[in-house]
Amino acid sequence: MILSTCQSGYEAVLARELAGRGARIAAQGRGWVLADPAAGFAPATLVFAHLSLEAPRAVAEASVNGLAHALFEAFAAGIRDEQITEPWCCWFAAAGEPEGLGQRVASVEKAFHEILRKKLGRIGRLASPHLPRGVGPTRGFFVWFTDFGQASVARAAERHGSRRMADDPLAPSRSYLKVEEAYGILGLEPQAGESVCDLGAAPGGWSYSAARRGARVEAVDNGPLKGGALNHPQIQHRRQDAFAFAPAAGKRFDWLFCDMVEEPHRVLRSIVEPWLSRGWCQRFVVNFKLGRVDPIALIDELRAAGSPLQLHAPGFRLTHLYHDRDEITAMGSVRAPAAAPRN
């Protein structure tokens, strides 16, 4: 079995995504889906999952202390044949409903750590409540509460990289948080001296994110920049249609950003395809707004063998970020265009 968490309100989409990959849906609730995956299923391919707990075990007790002791017993049994000498992730969470569940989780977590310190002091001192940044498999102790007296626990999980980011008072829009989150998933971020083209930049959240790192940004949008992006020395504001913009002959940007309220197929056809196929950028972060588009059908299109992303950016990632709303984010590195054959 696999228990995948997601943004509240997207459980049905995640369930469809899992079912489309051959999984049998066993149960679902606010912010989670429990499924029995098909043989060979790779959790890393999920777009709408935030964290996937592998082989979760149900633990149920009515009281805080009872549940904390049951969780400790499950943890102790799981490490019986292991040597823990490095910091490890001890993660407790819930979707936040029903009302008061978050407080119950905090109380059980506190009681669990008190028991852990008393009985396994050295191991308890190495525990960290934070998930490692980035994506990929990780081991630790993962506890997801589905109700006041019931939790699912696992020793292994797949991190999909989604996480809450700290805001910046100078950021001109909430969208700033999305690109900041994307850096952690991609494992790269703009560096001082690198070049960034931000298509549909206004009011400038993504441009500001790159500029504050010292990158040179061309922000392309007819609309005005605001906040920390306005008159920033690292940002050149080009007031023109983002769909009509093309780099000067021979120029290649280090990064392409694009976060526009546009139909996703238009973005794919008019921005992603030319920018990737012509080698106008080395790396990219692009948002696709879902709107009336079926999200699962769109994911299949973006991953199809003939899509610009598959052709020119093998290994790209698709993610529903913690800070995404009705959209998904594509990010990756562009394969250098083939050299022209010599006569």
C-alpha atoms as a PDB file:
ATOM      1  CA  MET A   1       0.000   0.000   0.000  1.00  0.00           C
ATOM      2  CA  ILE A   2       0.979   3.636  -0.409  1.00  0.00           C
ATOM      3  CA  LEU A   3      -0.503   6.677   1.349  1.00  0.00           C
ATOM      4  CA  SER A   4       0.028   9.886  -0.609  1.00  0.00           C
ATOM      5  CA  THR A   5      -0.670  13.319   0.819  1.00  0.00           C
ATOM      6  CA  CYS A   6      -1.738  16.255  -1.328  1.00  0.00           C
ATOM      7  CA  GLN A   7      -3.102  19.776  -1.228  1.00  0.00           C
ATOM      8  CA  SER A   8      -6.591  19.816   0.295  1.00  0.00           C
ATOM      9  CA  GLY A   9      -9.203  19.799  -2.447  1.00  0.00           C
ATOM     10  CA  TYR A  10      -7.113  17.752  -4.884  1.00  0.00           C
ATOM     11  CA  GLU A  11      -7.751  14.303  -3.418  1.00  0.00           C
ATOM     12  CA  ALA A  12     -10.004  13.272  -6.308  1.00  0.00           C
ATOM     13  CA  VAL A  13      -7.395  14.337  -8.876  1.00  0.00           C
ATOM     14  CA  LEU A  14      -4.655  12.447  -7.036  1.00  0.00           C
ATOM     15  CA  ALA A  15      -6.914   9.379  -6.826  1.00  0.00           C
ATOM     16  CA  ARG A  16      -7.488   9.572 -10.601  1.00  0.00           C
ATOM     17  CA  GLU A  17      -3.766   9.919 -11.166  1.00  0.00           C
ATOM     18  CA  LEU A  18      -3.046   6.838  -9.051  1.00  0.00           C
ATOM     19  CA  ALA A  19      -5.841   4.840 -10.679  1.00  0.00           C
ATOM     20  CA  GLY A  20      -4.537   5.793 -14.117  1.00  0.00           C
ATOM     21  CA  ARG A  21      -1.237   4.172 -13.194  1.00  0.00           C
ATOM     22  CA  GLY A  22      -2.925   0.929 -12.224  1.00  0.00           C
ATOM     23  CA  ALA A  23      -3.421   1.482  -8.493  1.00  0.00           C
ATOM     24  CA  ARG A  24      -6.544   0.387  -6.630  1.00  0.00           C
ATOM     25  CA  ILE A  25      -7.903   3.191  -4.433  1.00  0.00           C
ATOM     26  CA  ALA A  26      -8.553   1.864  -0.916  1.00  0.00           C
ATOM     27  CA  ALA A  27      -9.594   5.049   0.906  1.00  0.00           C
ATOM     28  CA  GLN A  28      -9.229   8.790   0.809  1.00  0.00           C
ATOM     29  CA  GLY A  29      -9.848  11.817   2.992  1.00  0.00           C
ATOM     30  CA  ARG A  30      -8.955  15.479   3.374  1.00  0.00           C
ATOM     31  CA  GLY A  31      -5.454  15.778   1.926  1.00  0.00           C
ATOM     32  CA  TRP A  32      -4.648  12.071   1.432  1.00  0.00           C
ATOM     33  CA  VAL A  33      -5.283   8.983  -0.694  1.00  0.00           C
ATOM     34  CA  LEU A  34      -4.520   5.384   0.282  1.00  0.00           C
ATOM     35  CA  ALA A  35      -3.931   3.055  -2.661  1.00  0.00           C
ATOM     36  CA  ASP A  36      -2.685  -0.402  -3.525  1.00  0.00           C
ATOM     37  CA  PRO A  37      -0.217   0.222  -6.370  1.00  0.00           C
ATOM     38  CA  ALA A  38       0.384  -2.008  -9.350  1.00  0.00           C
ATOM     39  CA  ALA A  39       3.651  -3.924  -9.633  1.00  0.00           C
ATOM     40  CA  GLY A  40       6.523  -1.694 -10.653  1.00  0.00           C
ATOM     41  CA  PHE A  41       4.751   1.511  -9.658  1.00  0.00           C
ATOM     42  CA  ALA A  42       7.148   4.440  -9.125  1.00  0.00           C
ATOM     43  CA  PRO A  43       5.846   6.999  -6.582  1.00  0.00           C
ATOM     44  CA  ALA A  44       8.241   9.605  -7.979  1.00  0.00           C
ATOM     45  CA  THR A  45       6.067   9.922 -11.103  1.00  0.00           C
ATOM     46  CA  LEU A  46       3.102  11.354  -9.172  1.00  0.00           C
ATOM     47  CA  VAL A  47       2.347  15.015  -9.880  1.00  0.00           C
ATOM     48  CA  PHE A  48      -0.303  15.844  -7.281  1.00  0.00           C
ATOM     49  CA  ALA A  49       1.312  14.021  -4.335  1.00  0.00           C
ATOM     50  CA  HIS A  50       3.331  15.959  -1.770  1.00  0.00           C
ATOM     51  CA  LEU A  51       4.643  12.969   0.187  1.00  0.00           C
ATOM     52  CA  SER A  52       4.081   9.249  -0.372  1.00  0.00           C
ATOM     53  CA  LEU A  53       4.317   6.936   2.639  1.00  0.00           C
ATOM     54  CA  GLU A  54       5.331   3.432   1.598  1.00  0.00           C
ATOM     55  CA  ALA A  55       3.766   0.366   3.273  1.00  0.00           C
ATOM     56  CA  PRO A  56       1.914   2.436   5.912  1.00  0.00           C
ATOM     57  CA  ARG A  57       0.691   0.712   9.047  1.00  0.00           C
ATOM     58  CA  ALA A  58      -2.412   1.828  10.939  1.00  0.00           C
ATOM     59  CA  VAL A  59      -2.025   2.656  14.641  1.00  0.00           C
ATOM     60  CA  ALA A  60      -5.114   3.465  16.735  1.00  0.00           C
ATOM     61  CA  GLU A  61      -5.546   4.486  20.395  1.00  0.00           C
ATOM     62  CA  ALA A  62      -8.110   6.750  22.022  1.00  0.00           C
ATOM     63  CA  SER A  63      -5.874   8.846  24.294  1.00  0.00           C
ATOM     64  CA  VAL A  64      -2.850  11.056  23.582  1.00  0.00           C
ATOM     65  CA  ASN A  65      -0.546   8.993  25.803  1.00  0.00           C
ATOM     66  CA  GLY A  66      -1.912   5.730  24.483  1.00  0.00           C
ATOM     67  CA  LEU A  67      -1.319   6.772  20.893  1.00  0.00           C
ATOM     68  CA  ALA A  68       2.159   8.131  21.699  1.00  0.00           C
ATOM     69  CA  HIS A  69       3.132   4.808  23.327  1.00  0.00           C
ATOM     70  CA  ALA A  70       1.713   2.809  20.399  1.00  0.00           C
ATOM     71  CA  LEU A  71       3.681   4.941  17.956  1.00  0.00           C
ATOM     72  CA  PHE A  72       6.852   4.467  19.972  1.00  0.00           C
ATOM     73  CA  GLU A  73       6.360   0.693  19.961  1.00  0.00           C
ATOM     74  CA  ALA A  74       5.885   0.779  16.177  1.00  0.00           C
ATOM     75  CA  PHE A  75       9.064   2.851  15.793  1.00  0.00           C
ATOM     76  CA  ALA A  76      11.128   0.680  18.166  1.00  0.00           C
ATOM     77  CA  ALA A  77      10.042  -2.496  16.386  1.00  0.00           C
ATOM     78  CA  GLY A  78      10.987  -0.973  13.051  1.00  0.00           C
ATOM     79  CA  ILE A  79      14.572  -0.112  14.051  1.00  0.00           C
ATOM     80  CA  ARG A  80      15.349  -3.369  15.818  1.00  0.00           C
ATOM     81  CA  ASP A  81      17.841  -4.418  13.142  1.00  0.00           C
ATOM     82  CA  GLU A  82      19.117  -0.915  12.313  1.00  0.00           C
ATOM     83  CA  GLN A  83      22.002   1.223  13.521  1.00  0.00           C
ATOM     84  CA  ILE A  84      21.008   4.902  13.676  1.00  0.00           C
ATOM     85  CA  THR A  85      24.083   7.139  13.846  1.00  0.00           C
ATOM     86  CA  GLU A  86      22.994  10.119  11.723  1.00  0.00           C
ATOM     87  CA  PRO A  87      20.159  12.659  12.035  1.00  0.00           C
ATOM     88  CA  TRP A  88      16.850  11.165  10.911  1.00  0.00           C
ATOM     89  CA  CYS A  89      13.465  12.568   9.951  1.00  0.00           C
ATOM     90  CA  CYS A  90      10.654  12.213  12.499  1.00  0.00           C
ATOM     91  CA  TRP A  91       7.665  13.777  10.759  1.00  0.00           C
ATOM     92  CA  PHE A  92       4.166  14.221  12.214  1.00  0.00           C
ATOM     93  CA  ALA A  93       1.364  15.829  10.184  1.00  0.00           C
ATOM     94  CA  ALA A  94      -2.341  15.881   9.289  1.00  0.00           C
ATOM     95  CA  ALA A  95      -4.564  17.689   6.833  1.00  0.00           C
ATOM     96  CA  GLY A  96      -5.987  19.916   9.587  1.00  0.00           C
ATOM     97  CA  GLU A  97      -9.524  18.533   9.709  1.00  0.00           C
ATOM     98  CA  PRO A  98     -11.647  17.799  11.629  1.00  0.00           C
ATOM     99  CA  GLU A  99     -11.333  20.914  13.796  1.00  0.00           C
ATOM    100  CA  GLY A 100      -8.716  20.516  16.509  1.00  0.00           C
ATOM    101  CA  LEU A 101      -6.861  17.662  14.827  1.00  0.00           C
ATOM    102  CA  GLY A 102      -3.728  19.764  14.425  1.00  0.00           C
ATOM    103  CA  GLN A 103      -3.622  20.367  18.176  1.00  0.00           C
ATOM    104  CA  ARG A 104      -4.051  16.640  18.815  1.00  0.00           C
ATOM    105  CA  VAL A 105      -1.142  15.891  16.450  1.00  0.00           C
ATOM    106  CA  ALA A 106       1.088  18.357  18.332  1.00  0.00           C
ATOM    107  CA  SER A 107       0.166  16.801  21.679  1.00  0.00           C
ATOM    108  CA  VAL A 108       0.863  13.255  20.499  1.00  0.00           C
ATOM    109  CA  GLU A 109       4.141  14.341  18.887  1.00  0.00           C
ATOM    110  CA  LYS A 110       5.301  15.969  22.128  1.00  0.00           C
ATOM    111  CA  ALA A 111       4.387  12.871  24.160  1.00  0.00           C
ATOM    112  CA  PHE A 112       6.097  10.598  21.618  1.00  0.00           C
ATOM    113  CA  HIS A 113       9.362  12.547  21.866  1.00  0.00           C
ATOM    114  CA  GLU A 114       9.248  12.447  25.671  1.00  0.00           C
ATOM    115  CA  ILE A 115       8.990   8.647  25.534  1.00  0.00           C
ATOM    116  CA  LEU A 116      11.690   8.479  22.860  1.00  0.00           C
ATOM    117  CA  ARG A 117      14.136  10.558  24.949  1.00  0.00           C
ATOM    118  CA  LYS A 118      13.521   8.437  28.039  1.00  0.00           C
ATOM    119  CA  LYS A 119      13.901   5.061  26.338  1.00  0.00           C
ATOM    120  CA  LEU A 120      16.206   5.788  23.369  1.00  0.00           C
ATOM    121  CA  GLY A 121      17.949   9.002  24.353  1.00  0.00           C
ATOM    122  CA  ARG A 122      20.787   8.934  21.813  1.00  0.00           C
ATOM    123  CA  ILE A 123      18.460   8.143  18.926  1.00  0.00           C
ATOM    124  CA  GLY A 124      15.943  10.716  20.159  1.00  0.00           C
ATOM    125  CA  ARG A 125      18.577  13.453  20.114  1.00  0.00           C
ATOM    126  CA  LEU A 126      19.217  12.743  16.415  1.00  0.00           C
ATOM    127  CA  ALA A 127      15.544  13.170  15.444  1.00  0.00           C
ATOM    128  CA  SER A 128      14.565  16.098  13.203  1.00  0.00           C
ATOM    129  CA  PRO A 129      10.941  17.174  12.582  1.00  0.00           C
ATOM    130  CA  HIS A 130      11.774  18.517   9.117  1.00  0.00           C
ATOM    131  CA  LEU A 131      11.614  16.677   5.812  1.00  0.00           C
ATOM    132  CA  PRO A 132      14.871  16.922   3.838  1.00  0.00           C
ATOM    133  CA  ARG A 133      14.667  19.475   1.056  1.00  0.00           C
ATOM    134  CA  GLY A 134      14.258  18.267  -2.509  1.00  0.00           C
ATOM    135  CA  VAL A 135      12.846  15.095  -4.000  1.00  0.00           C
ATOM    136  CA  GLY A 136      13.520  11.401  -3.697  1.00  0.00           C
ATOM    137  CA  PRO A 137      13.227   8.487  -1.265  1.00  0.00           C
ATOM    138  CA  THR A 138      14.054   8.935   2.399  1.00  0.00           C
ATOM    139  CA  ARG A 139      13.940   6.838   5.559  1.00  0.00           C
ATOM    140  CA  GLY A 140      12.794   7.934   8.968  1.00  0.00           C
ATOM    141  CA  PHE A 141       9.520   7.800  10.865  1.00  0.00           C
ATOM    142  CA  PHE A 142       6.503   9.323   9.151  1.00  0.00           C
ATOM    143  CA  VAL A 143       3.170   9.745  10.939  1.00  0.00           C
ATOM    144  CA  TRP A 144       0.033  10.956   9.146  1.00  0.00           C
ATOM    145  CA  PHE A 145      -3.118  11.430  11.233  1.00  0.00           C
ATOM    146  CA  THR A 146      -6.440  10.629   9.611  1.00  0.00           C
ATOM    147  CA  ASP A 147      -8.447  11.165  12.823  1.00  0.00           C
ATOM    148  CA  PHE A 148      -7.954  11.985  16.511  1.00  0.00           C
ATOM    149  CA  GLY A 149      -7.165   8.441  17.530  1.00  0.00           C
ATOM    150  CA  GLN A 150      -5.803   6.984  14.315  1.00  0.00           C
ATOM    151  CA  ALA A 151      -2.619   7.464  12.350  1.00  0.00           C
ATOM    152  CA  SER A 152      -0.732   5.774   9.535  1.00  0.00           C
ATOM    153  CA  VAL A 153       2.986   5.241  10.118  1.00  0.00           C
ATOM    154  CA  ALA A 154       5.777   4.338   7.715  1.00  0.00           C
ATOM    155  CA  ARG A 155       9.562   4.033   7.785  1.00  0.00           C
ATOM    156  CA  ALA A 156      10.067   4.989   4.133  1.00  0.00           C
ATOM    157  CA  ALA A 157       8.613   7.796   2.043  1.00  0.00           C
ATOM    158  CA  GLU A 158       9.010   9.433  -1.344  1.00  0.00           C
ATOM    159  CA  ARG A 159       9.499  13.200  -1.152  1.00  0.00           C
ATOM    160  CA  HIS A 160       7.909  15.051  -4.059  1.00  0.00           C
ATOM    161  CA  GLY A 161       9.507  18.319  -2.978  1.00  0.00           C
ATOM    162  CA  SER A 162       6.385  20.352  -2.189  1.00  0.00           C
ATOM    163  CA  ARG A 163       6.861  22.546   0.866  1.00  0.00           C
ATOM    164  CA  ARG A 164       5.706  25.817   2.378  1.00  0.00           C
ATOM    165  CA  MET A 165       8.075  28.716   1.697  1.00  0.00           C
ATOM    166  CA  ALA A 166       8.767  31.863   3.712  1.00  0.00           C
ATOM    167  CA  ASP A 167       7.384  35.061   2.203  1.00  0.00           C
ATOM    168  CA  ASP A 168       9.445  38.172   1.491  1.00  0.00           C
ATOM    169  CA  PRO A 169       7.844  41.552   2.305  1.00  0.00           C
ATOM    170  CA  LEU A 170       9.372  43.035  -0.863  1.00  0.00           C
ATOM    171  CA  ALA A 171       7.956  40.321  -3.135  1.00  0.00           C
ATOM    172  CA  PRO A 172       5.268  41.951  -5.306  1.00  0.00           C
ATOM    173  CA  SER A 173       2.980  38.921  -5.434  1.00  0.00           C
ATOM    174  CA  ARG A 174       2.198  35.561  -3.892  1.00  0.00           C
ATOM    175  CA  SER A 175       3.547  33.861  -7.043  1.00  0.00           C
ATOM    176  CA  TYR A 176       7.051  34.582  -5.689  1.00  0.00           C
ATOM    177  CA  LEU A 177       6.559  31.604  -3.369  1.00  0.00           C
ATOM    178  CA  LYS A 178       5.973  29.224  -6.285  1.00  0.00           C
ATOM    179  CA  VAL A 179       9.302  29.797  -8.001  1.00  0.00           C
ATOM    180  CA  GLU A 180      11.142  29.753  -4.663  1.00  0.00           C
ATOM    181  CA  GLU A 181       9.597  26.334  -4.024  1.00  0.00           C
ATOM    182  CA  ALA A 182      10.475  25.135  -7.527  1.00  0.00           C
ATOM    183  CA  TYR A 183      14.197  25.756  -6.944  1.00  0.00           C
ATOM    184  CA  GLY A 184      14.208  23.155  -4.177  1.00  0.00           C
ATOM    185  CA  ILE A 185      12.608  20.541  -6.422  1.00  0.00           C
ATOM    186  CA  LEU A 186      14.877  21.310  -9.351  1.00  0.00           C
ATOM    187  CA  GLY A 187      17.948  21.415  -7.135  1.00  0.00           C
ATOM    188  CA  LEU A 188      19.119  24.596  -8.862  1.00  0.00           C
ATOM    189  CA  GLU A 189      18.446  28.316  -8.589  1.00  0.00           C
ATOM    190  CA  PRO A 190      19.562  31.419 -10.497  1.00  0.00           C
ATOM    191  CA  GLN A 191      23.074  32.552  -9.641  1.00  0.00           C
ATOM    192  CA  ALA A 192      24.722  35.964  -9.639  1.00  0.00           C
ATOM    193  CA  GLY A 193      25.573  36.941 -13.199  1.00  0.00           C
ATOM    194  CA  GLU A 194      23.191  34.460 -14.837  1.00  0.00           C
ATOM    195  CA  SER A 195      20.531  35.640 -17.288  1.00  0.00           C
ATOM    196  CA  VAL A 196      16.793  35.138 -16.824  1.00  0.00           C
ATOM    197  CA  CYS A 197      13.892  35.840 -19.170  1.00  0.00           C
ATOM    198  CA  ASP A 198      10.597  36.139 -17.300  1.00  0.00           C
ATOM    199  CA  LEU A 199       7.675  35.987 -19.744  1.00  0.00           C
ATOM    200  CA  GLY A 200       4.435  37.489 -18.448  1.00  0.00           C
ATOM    201  CA  ALA A 201       6.432  38.888 -15.540  1.00  0.00           C
ATOM    202  CA  ALA A 202       4.072  41.496 -14.032  1.00  0.00           C
ATOM    203  CA  PRO A 203       3.828  42.276 -11.196  1.00  0.00           C
ATOM    204  CA  GLY A 204       7.293  40.734 -10.942  1.00  0.00           C
ATOM    205  CA  GLY A 205       7.351  38.037  -8.258  1.00  0.00           C
ATOM    206  CA  TRP A 206       9.514  35.623 -10.236  1.00  0.00           C
ATOM    207  CA  SER A 207      11.726  38.398 -11.603  1.00  0.00           C
ATOM    208  CA  TYR A 208      12.337  39.672  -8.081  1.00  0.00           C
ATOM    209  CA  SER A 209      13.204  36.158  -6.899  1.00  0.00           C
ATOM    210  CA  ALA A 210      15.973  35.871  -9.502  1.00  0.00           C
ATOM    211  CA  ALA A 211      17.183  39.469  -9.167  1.00  0.00           C
ATOM    212  CA  ARG A 212      17.628  39.217  -5.408  1.00  0.00           C
ATOM    213  CA  ARG A 213      20.121  36.423  -6.115  1.00  0.00           C
ATOM    214  CA  GLY A 214      22.112  38.661  -8.425  1.00  0.00           C
ATOM    215  CA  ALA A 215      20.805  37.356 -11.757  1.00  0.00           C
ATOM    216  CA  ARG A 216      20.159  39.722 -14.680  1.00  0.00           C
ATOM    217  CA  VAL A 217      16.467  39.621 -15.570  1.00  0.00           C
ATOM    218  CA  GLU A 218      14.553  40.653 -18.668  1.00  0.00           C
ATOM    219  CA  ALA A 219      10.963  40.972 -17.450  1.00  0.00           C
ATOM    220  CA  VAL A 220       8.606  40.858 -20.426  1.00  0.00           C
ATOM    221  CA  ASP A 221       5.083  42.137 -19.835  1.00  0.00           C
ATOM    222  CA  ASN A 222       2.901  45.072 -20.891  1.00  0.00           C
ATOM    223  CA  GLY A 223       1.742  45.377 -17.298  1.00  0.00           C
ATOM    224  CA  PRO A 224       3.574  47.266 -14.520  1.00  0.00           C
ATOM    225  CA  LEU A 225       6.109  45.820 -12.104  1.00  0.00           C
ATOM    226  CA  LYS A 226       5.524  46.389  -8.403  1.00  0.00           C
ATOM    227  CA  GLY A 227       7.138  45.966  -5.000  1.00  0.00           C
ATOM    228  CA  GLY A 228      10.749  44.859  -4.960  1.00  0.00           C
ATOM    229  CA  ALA A 229      10.735  44.316  -8.736  1.00  0.00           C
ATOM    230  CA  LEU A 230       9.945  47.952  -9.538  1.00  0.00           C
ATOM    231  CA  ASN A 231      13.110  49.827 -10.576  1.00  0.00           C
ATOM    232  CA  HIS A 232      15.311  46.953  -9.396  1.00  0.00           C
ATOM    233  CA  PRO A 233      18.815  47.466 -10.873  1.00  0.00           C
ATOM    234  CA  GLN A 234      19.030  43.817 -11.977  1.00  0.00           C
ATOM    235  CA  ILE A 235      15.680  43.877 -13.811  1.00  0.00           C
ATOM    236  CA  GLN A 236      15.129  45.298 -17.296  1.00  0.00           C
ATOM    237  CA  HIS A 237      11.407  45.731 -17.926  1.00  0.00           C
ATOM    238  CA  ARG A 238      10.406  45.165 -21.561  1.00  0.00           C
ATOM    239  CA  ARG A 239       6.855  46.399 -22.133  1.00  0.00           C
ATOM    240  CA  GLN A 240       5.701  44.028 -24.854  1.00  0.00           C
ATOM    241  CA  ASP A 241       3.646  40.922 -25.479  1.00  0.00           C
ATOM    242  CA  ALA A 242       5.384  37.903 -23.981  1.00  0.00           C
ATOM    243  CA  PHE A 243       4.156  35.676 -26.827  1.00  0.00           C
ATOM    244  CA  ALA A 244       5.855  37.930 -29.396  1.00  0.00           C
ATOM    245  CA  PHE A 245       9.198  38.152 -27.598  1.00  0.00           C
ATOM    246  CA  ALA A 246      12.240  36.267 -28.896  1.00  0.00           C
ATOM    247  CA  PRO A 247      15.890  36.539 -27.839  1.00  0.00           C
ATOM    248  CA  ALA A 248      18.348  38.440 -30.003  1.00  0.00           C
ATOM    249  CA  ALA A 249      20.159  36.308 -32.579  1.00  0.00           C
ATOM    250  CA  GLY A 250      22.713  34.059 -30.911  1.00  0.00           C
ATOM    251  CA  LYS A 251      21.543  34.831 -27.354  1.00  0.00           C
ATOM    252  CA  ARG A 252      20.744  32.039 -24.926  1.00  0.00           C
ATOM    253  CA  PHE A 253      19.276  32.711 -21.496  1.00  0.00           C
ATOM    254  CA  ASP A 254      20.332  30.657 -18.509  1.00  0.00           C
ATOM    255  CA  TRP A 255      16.704  30.555 -17.311  1.00  0.00           C
ATOM    256  CA  LEU A 256      13.209  30.841 -18.755  1.00  0.00           C
ATOM    257  CA  PHE A 257      10.384  31.735 -16.365  1.00  0.00           C
ATOM    258  CA  CYS A 258       6.739  31.750 -17.419  1.00  0.00           C
ATOM    259  CA  ASP A 259       3.696  32.104 -15.174  1.00  0.00           C
ATOM    260  CA  MET A 260       0.805  33.500 -17.189  1.00  0.00           C
ATOM    261  CA  VAL A 261      -2.960  33.137 -16.932  1.00  0.00           C
ATOM    262  CA  GLU A 262      -3.246  31.529 -20.364  1.00  0.00           C
ATOM    263  CA  GLU A 263      -4.685  28.349 -21.843  1.00  0.00           C
ATOM    264  CA  PRO A 264      -1.983  25.679 -21.278  1.00  0.00           C
ATOM    265  CA  HIS A 265      -1.843  24.448 -24.868  1.00  0.00           C
ATOM    266  CA  ARG A 266      -1.096  27.967 -26.068  1.00  0.00           C
ATOM    267  CA  VAL A 267       1.779  28.202 -23.590  1.00  0.00           C
ATOM    268  CA  LEU A 268       3.061  24.810 -24.707  1.00  0.00           C
ATOM    269  CA  ARG A 269       2.774  25.609 -28.411  1.00  0.00           C
ATOM    270  CA  SER A 270       3.839  29.269 -28.469  1.00  0.00           C
ATOM    271  CA  ILE A 271       6.400  29.456 -25.673  1.00  0.00           C
ATOM    272  CA  VAL A 272       7.669  26.072 -24.494  1.00  0.00           C
ATOM    273  CA  GLU A 273       8.117  24.537 -27.954  1.00  0.00           C
ATOM    274  CA  PRO A 274      10.116  27.383 -29.589  1.00  0.00           C
ATOM    275  CA  TRP A 275      12.168  28.195 -26.502  1.00  0.00           C
ATOM    276  CA  LEU A 276      13.219  24.588 -25.935  1.00  0.00           C
ATOM    277  CA  SER A 277      13.579  23.426 -29.544  1.00  0.00           C
ATOM    278  CA  ARG A 278      15.672  26.462 -30.530  1.00  0.00           C
ATOM    279  CA  GLY A 279      17.852  26.309 -27.448  1.00  0.00           C
ATOM    280  CA  TRP A 280      16.916  29.787 -26.237  1.00  0.00           C
ATOM    281  CA  CYS A 281      17.289  28.734 -22.574  1.00  0.00           C
ATOM    282  CA  GLN A 282      19.244  26.235 -20.503  1.00  0.00           C
ATOM    283  CA  ARG A 283      16.763  25.743 -17.668  1.00  0.00           C
ATOM    284  CA  PHE A 284      13.092  26.577 -17.210  1.00  0.00           C
ATOM    285  CA  VAL A 285      10.253  26.895 -14.741  1.00  0.00           C
ATOM    286  CA  VAL A 286       6.861  27.116 -16.470  1.00  0.00           C
ATOM    287  CA  ASN A 287       3.374  27.080 -14.997  1.00  0.00           C
ATOM    288  CA  PHE A 288       0.397  25.575 -16.826  1.00  0.00           C
ATOM    289  CA  LYS A 289      -2.987  26.858 -15.648  1.00  0.00           C
ATOM    290  CA  LEU A 290      -5.603  24.117 -15.574  1.00  0.00           C
ATOM    291  CA  GLY A 291      -8.806  26.123 -15.934  1.00  0.00           C
ATOM    292  CA  ARG A 292     -11.226  23.921 -17.872  1.00  0.00           C
ATOM    293  CA  VAL A 293      -8.508  21.489 -18.956  1.00  0.00           C
ATOM    294  CA  ASP A 294      -8.584  17.967 -17.549  1.00  0.00           C
ATOM    295  CA  PRO A 295      -5.425  17.808 -15.385  1.00  0.00           C
ATOM    296  CA  ILE A 296      -4.747  14.111 -15.975  1.00  0.00           C
ATOM    297  CA  ALA A 297      -5.152  14.492 -19.745  1.00  0.00           C
ATOM    298  CA  LEU A 298      -2.787  17.479 -19.668  1.00  0.00           C
ATOM    299  CA  ILE A 299      -0.168  15.526 -17.710  1.00  0.00           C
ATOM    300  CA  ASP A 300      -0.378  12.710 -20.268  1.00  0.00           C
ATOM    301  CA  GLU A 301       0.050  15.215 -23.112  1.00  0.00           C
ATOM    302  CA  LEU A 302       3.067  16.857 -21.507  1.00  0.00           C
ATOM    303  CA  ARG A 303       4.678  13.465 -20.932  1.00  0.00           C
ATOM    304  CA  ALA A 304       3.852  12.052 -24.367  1.00  0.00           C
ATOM    305  CA  ALA A 305       6.820  10.969 -26.456  1.00  0.00           C
ATOM    306  CA  GLY A 306       6.347  13.766 -28.983  1.00  0.00           C
ATOM    307  CA  SER A 307       5.827  16.648 -26.554  1.00  0.00           C
ATOM    308  CA  PRO A 308       8.397  19.491 -26.562  1.00  0.00           C
ATOM    309  CA  LEU A 309       9.235  18.706 -22.948  1.00  0.00           C
ATOM    310  CA  GLN A 310      10.050  15.060 -23.652  1.00  0.00           C
ATOM    311  CA  LEU A 311      11.911  15.863 -26.858  1.00  0.00           C
ATOM    312  CA  HIS A 312      14.064  18.695 -25.544  1.00  0.00           C
ATOM    313  CA  ALA A 313      14.155  18.343 -21.751  1.00  0.00           C
ATOM    314  CA  PRO A 314      14.302  14.641 -20.866  1.00  0.00           C
ATOM    315  CA  GLY A 315      14.095  14.178 -17.130  1.00  0.00           C
ATOM    316  CA  PHE A 316      11.864  17.232 -16.600  1.00  0.00           C
ATOM    317  CA  ARG A 317       9.571  17.236 -13.574  1.00  0.00           C
ATOM    318  CA  LEU A 318       5.868  18.025 -13.287  1.00  0.00           C
ATOM    319  CA  THR A 319       4.653  19.039  -9.839  1.00  0.00           C
ATOM    320  CA  HIS A 320       1.627  20.469  -8.101  1.00  0.00           C
ATOM    321  CA  LEU A 321       3.476  22.783  -5.738  1.00  0.00           C
ATOM    322  CA  TYR A 322       2.391  23.549  -2.204  1.00  0.00           C
ATOM    323  CA  HIS A 323       1.857  27.142  -3.416  1.00  0.00           C
ATOM    324  CA  ASP A 324       0.221  26.186  -6.720  1.00  0.00           C
ATOM    325  CA  ARG A 325      -3.483  26.632  -7.037  1.00  0.00           C
ATOM    326  CA  ASP A 326      -5.333  25.361 -10.112  1.00  0.00           C
ATOM    327  CA  GLU A 327      -2.098  24.811 -12.034  1.00  0.00           C
ATOM    328  CA  ILE A 328       0.897  22.524 -12.354  1.00  0.00           C
ATOM    329  CA  THR A 329       4.550  23.483 -12.711  1.00  0.00           C
ATOM    330  CA  ALA A 330       7.070  22.064 -15.179  1.00  0.00           C
ATOM    331  CA  MET A 331      10.789  22.491 -14.594  1.00  0.00           C
ATOM    332  CA  GLY A 332      13.974  21.054 -15.993  1.00  0.00           C
ATOM    333  CA  SER A 333      17.132  21.478 -18.034  1.00  0.00           C
ATOM    334  CA  VAL A 334      17.153  21.745 -21.809  1.00  0.00           C
ATOM    335  CA  ARG A 335      19.179  19.376 -23.932  1.00  0.00           C
ATOM    336  CA  ALA A 336      21.550  21.400 -26.121  1.00  0.00           C
ATOM    337  CA  PRO A 337      20.275  21.562 -29.722  1.00  0.00           C
ATOM    338  CA  ALA A 338      22.055  19.273 -32.169  1.00  0.00           C
ATOM    339  CA  ALA A 339      24.819  20.917 -34.176  1.00  0.00           C
ATOM    340  CA  ALA A 340      24.093  21.508 -37.859  1.00  0.00           C
ATOM    341  CA  PRO A 341      25.706  18.833 -40.076  1.00  0.00           C
ATOM    342  CA  ARG A 342      28.860  19.849 -41.947  1.00  0.00           C
ATOM    343  CA  ASN A 343      28.953  19.801 -45.711  1.00  0.00           C
END
